[in-house]
Each structure stands twice: as C-alpha cells, then as structure tokens.
C-alpha cells in the first residue's frame, strides 16, 4: 500500500509499488535498509497506493533508538504529518548526533482519517512497514587537527591546521559559521584546499563578529569518503574603530560644542524597517520547541518548552519608541508549521530553557491562516531577540526554508544596541570619563578642562564599550592658534596649530609670539572669529583682505593694523570689541589746497586726528537744514557747509577736510590713520531736508567762481 523511497544515503530504500500486504503489515528489515551517519538527515518520500490514492491518511515515522522493541520512548517518533494528507508525504528527519553505530528498526505507518497514527495496535484502514536503518561510520578517518586562526583583522583572517596523517587523497574542506553547531555531513563547505595545502585566507567577514572554524579531510569521492568535521575553533574579528569629528571653538565659549563619534558596532543601531527576513537550514542551531497554545488559542506570556526539538533562527532587534508592536508572519514557502517567541537579549536567555533570562511572549497559531502572530509591548533602549522555530506534535523535527515577518507599531524596528560609546583621555589604558556619542569635554571630571579659556588642542579617544582597546582620537580645539613656527606668512599652514591655513569655520587666535602674522599683498584671509590677544600683532599689507564671519576682538595690549587699500570684511551683523589697538590707514594723493571727503571706518574717531596738520576752519560737514547766506544767483538757502573742527565722526557720514598745511602744490600722498573699534553691521543716517518754500528749481545753478565752489 505504501511505496517508500529513502535517498541521500549510501544504500537507499526503494520499495515502490509494493501493494498491500495482509493484515496491513510488512517486515522489510531483512531486505530493505538505508545507511546514514549520526547527526545527518534521512530524506524520504512515501506514496499511497492500492485503494488509498484518493484518500486522506495520516503518516508517522519511528526509529527504535534503544532497540527495546518499542516505539514509545521519547524522541523515537521522528516524523509526523500532523494532519491527514492525500496521495502521500515527503519529509526528512535527523539522526541524533550521539547515536551509536549499528542497526535500528524504522517503522512507517499510514492510517485513514487519523492525522496521528499510533506505532502499534489494530487499525481499520492503513498499513505499517518496517525497515532497517543503519548508522555507519565514515571511511575517511585520517582527520586534521589543531586549527589556528591568525592575522585577524576587521573583515579578514587566516586559518591553518595540522595535516592529517596520511594526507587525504583529495584534500580538505573548511566551514565557517557563527554558531557552535557541528555542520551536517552533507553541508556544503565554505572552501576547499588540496591535500598539500593546510591554510586558507578568509575574506568578506563582518567586523566585531565571532566565528567558528571546522575542517575535515576528503579522502575520496565514495560514500563515507569524506571525514568528520573537526572543530570548532573560535575567533572574533576586530571591531572597526569609531569615526570621530573634531570640534573647534573660541576661548571662553561654553557651547554646545560636541566631539562626536559613530560606529556600526555600537550606539548606532541600523533601521530594520517594517520587515524581518530569516532562514532555517541544516546549519541552524537546535533547541527544545516552546510549549505554546495551538489552533488560535492565543499567545503565551509564560516560558515553557517541550522535550521535542527543532532547529531555530534568531534575529536581534530593538525599537526606538516604547509601545505595542504586532509581529505577523507571512505564509512561508515551502510551508511549515511555524511558531515564535520574543525574549530580552541580555545574554542570559538560552533557547530551549526557562532557567535564566526573560521571556516576553510566544505564539503558534494566532495569526491569519494559523501563522504565528505576536502583539507585544516593547521598550525603547532594550535589546530583544525574535526566535522562529518549527512545531511538531511529539517528535524532533527540522525545516529548511525562508520566512518573513511584518511588523507594525508606533516606532521603528532597529538593530540591536550593542554597546555605548566611551571616551578616554589616552590612546590606551585608563578608564572612560564619559559615555555617549556626543561629548562636550568642558567641565567633565577627568577631562582636564574646567573651562574653555586656554587655547590649545585637547585630544580625547572614543571606543565602543564592547571593544575598549579600539580607539579613535578626536580633537577638542580651542582656537586656531598662530605659532609663527616657520615665518610671518599668514598663508603658511605650518604657522598654525592645528596645522592648516584658517578657513571660515576657525576661531583665529593671534597670541604674543616672535613672528607676528602678516596677510601679504594679494592674499585673502578667512576666519570665523578673530581674537588678537595681549601682546599679539596682526598686520594686513596693502591690497589684501580678511573676511571674518563673526566678531573681531582685540584684547588689551593687542594690535591689529590694516594698510591702505587692504580691507576687513565681516559677514554677520555683530558688535566688535577693541580694548587694545585697531588701526586702518587710508591714503589720498592731494595738493595743499585740495579737500578730501572722509568717512570714518571706526567708531568715535575724532575728526581732529584725520589730518592733524589741517588747521581749524578747513574741516566741514554738510548740514542740509541750515539757512545759507544769499549769494548769486540766490536765494538757494537749502543747506550749507558747517565747520566740523572737533568731535567724533558720525559713522556713514562724509566730512570735507583740506590737505595739511605745507603739503605743497604738487600732488603727494596724505595718509589718515583711523583708530578705534571697526564699524560693522547696519549703519543708519537720517535723510534730512531744508525749509525752502520758493518756486520749483528750473535748472542747476553754478556758483560764482569767486567763492571758490561750484555745484
């Protein structure tokens, strides 16, 4: 009645079209057997025949592992259909890894209208058949030994091993995995070598990950001609150093100015989206199945496990928002009876055991089409693990195939938070002084920075808490400080600390040093802020420029001088501070009786100091509101030049000042040196008009040359 094929072994069972044997039992143990190794899979296909091809039957497989003539001992039901199936079944089961070599009775049984046939007893419609399962040893027994892992880097490593004696005929296979489970005998290797090569280079590894290495001999191509796996030898790849960002600020600033550090290995979990994908296969770890309510009976918040086992897959995750999340599994292909549970991932929970760790929730059949569905409250900042496995009624089982979970909730699903970012004051040794991706070192105990008043470069090192020896420096820079270490050229990188010509992000600090900086002709300097400290001197040569984004500060005892035709440009509308000396020279080429129209670039500059050699009575400002004496052709009384012999020049206003007495009749340079605080920002001047109420002007009038003016 049952046609059985067993394959993927040395001697397969092929009992096809066997028909029905009264009274419903066939003993084929003497004529039909299959050989396989301990810890390996036995795959089979059973087809219903005789009069049962169109009927639904349940189908189970047992193996009498202890050879006591019974099939009722724990773990001896190795496959169960779970439901009645038309036409036949195909499946597989695992021979326990520690099974002794020898012969074992294997029974298959199909029964009409019963999804779980018993191993013994009378049934009305169905049949049982017995076969021999032989657990055999491999023929290739000259195994390698002593695996060594060297040259471990972030994504690469080198493995080597002691050669087998004698050397295998074909070579070696090696297998790299991230769990400690012994690979299946028919597991495809990660790589191969010849019998003369006992080393291999591993590439494309993940940083900060623990791997396990297995090696075996390949003697020949026959069944059993490949040896048993030898291992595992663990190793862990290096964690990539964090990526850090320096910060630069001005002396006295209080922030926020943070050093930052990021790393995929810590404190920066990846966004996993709303879907999780995984795979179960022969390399998946095996543990006891969770004991969960079935057939839509609901989820369970109580940890419990059965004696039956299954392979499982674990996905670590966290959430960024606390709340209720729904995990719903799609119908998998190939289909299997999936179930799942969520635990806290703190390193204390062992799948298959409730002895330690924190169980959150488990489910078998609550979702659509009896797929698992978990509705669970999760807390941001806590790591969790979703474990997906396979259900069976009363036997050990495994599954090979992929699966997909869809997740809905108030926040995002993230990768695990694998550790904090720690900050140190040295490249090695010591204890962290701060934890977090953003570090403002001022005022932190142990940083050595009670404030930010002292210029300099203060270096700190960032490292993941899980890899404290893998550190990256980050510089907390107080000021881009002029050193003059090479010469006086502003545009020489080696004259600055840290090295490099200032840009518009730097707070430029000029202290008292031997080689004072000079911005030479044709050079355009940059800075964010400028501070000339006591004793410091900054000079700008003619036809140079300095663009400062923010404020200019000249401290008491400091000097900043700008030659004629050089310029200071400021971007932001901020006030400048000068307690030392700021001076800017402007030169006009004039004769003694020429007038120059001057405006002051600094605040509160006395007009007397523009041209000290010019006597009073030859300095004027235009006042539009005064009445001017009537002169031909008159009566144009709508403003007049008024004496401005002394007093502060108003910003944005022009003043007519004659050249110094004795300057001569030949044009020659006359230089005014303005000292004070440089004007900056918006400068307002009131527009005024006179009180003229006469007729409209017809044309512009010329003043008489006898008055020395013309308009």
Foldseek 3Di string as FASTA:
>chain_A
DKFKWKDPFQFIFGRGPVDADPPFEAECAVPGETEDAAFAKIKMWIFDDDPQQAFWKKKWKFKPLVPPPDRPDAFGTFDTPQATDHGTDIAMGHHHNPRDFFKIKMKMKIATPDRGDDRDDDHDDIHMYIYIYGHDAFPADQWWADKDWAPFAFFKIKIFTHAGVPQAQFFKFKAKDQDDDFFHPPDDGPDTDGSVDGMDMGGRHHGFGKMWMWMWGQRDDHRSNTHGIDDTDIDHHHFAAWDWAAWEAAAFDDDPTWIFTDGCQADDWAFPFFKDKDWFDRPADKAFAWDFDADQPDKDQDTGGDPAMEGKDKAKWFWAAWDKKKKFWDQFVVGAQKKKFKFFPPPWDDPHDPPTGHTFMIFGQNHPPRHTMDTGTHDGPTMMMMMMTGDDDRHHHYDGGMIMIGMDDDTTMTHDRNFWKFKAQDLDDDDGQDTHRIDDLACGPPQPHVGRNDFDWRKMWIDGPVNVNRIDIYTHGHFFEFQCPPAQELQAQVRTVVGDREAQSTEHEFEQYDHAHEHEAPEEHEYQEYEYEANHEYEYDANYEYEYAAEYEYYANGEYEYEANYYYHYNDQYFYYYPHKYKYKHKDWDAQFAKDKDAAQAWWWKPCQQAVLADWPQKWFKDQAAFDVADPPDDPGRIDTDTRNITGGAHPGIMIGGHGPPRHGGTDMDMGMTIHTGDGDDGDDDDDIYDDDDDDDDDDDFGDCVVVDTD
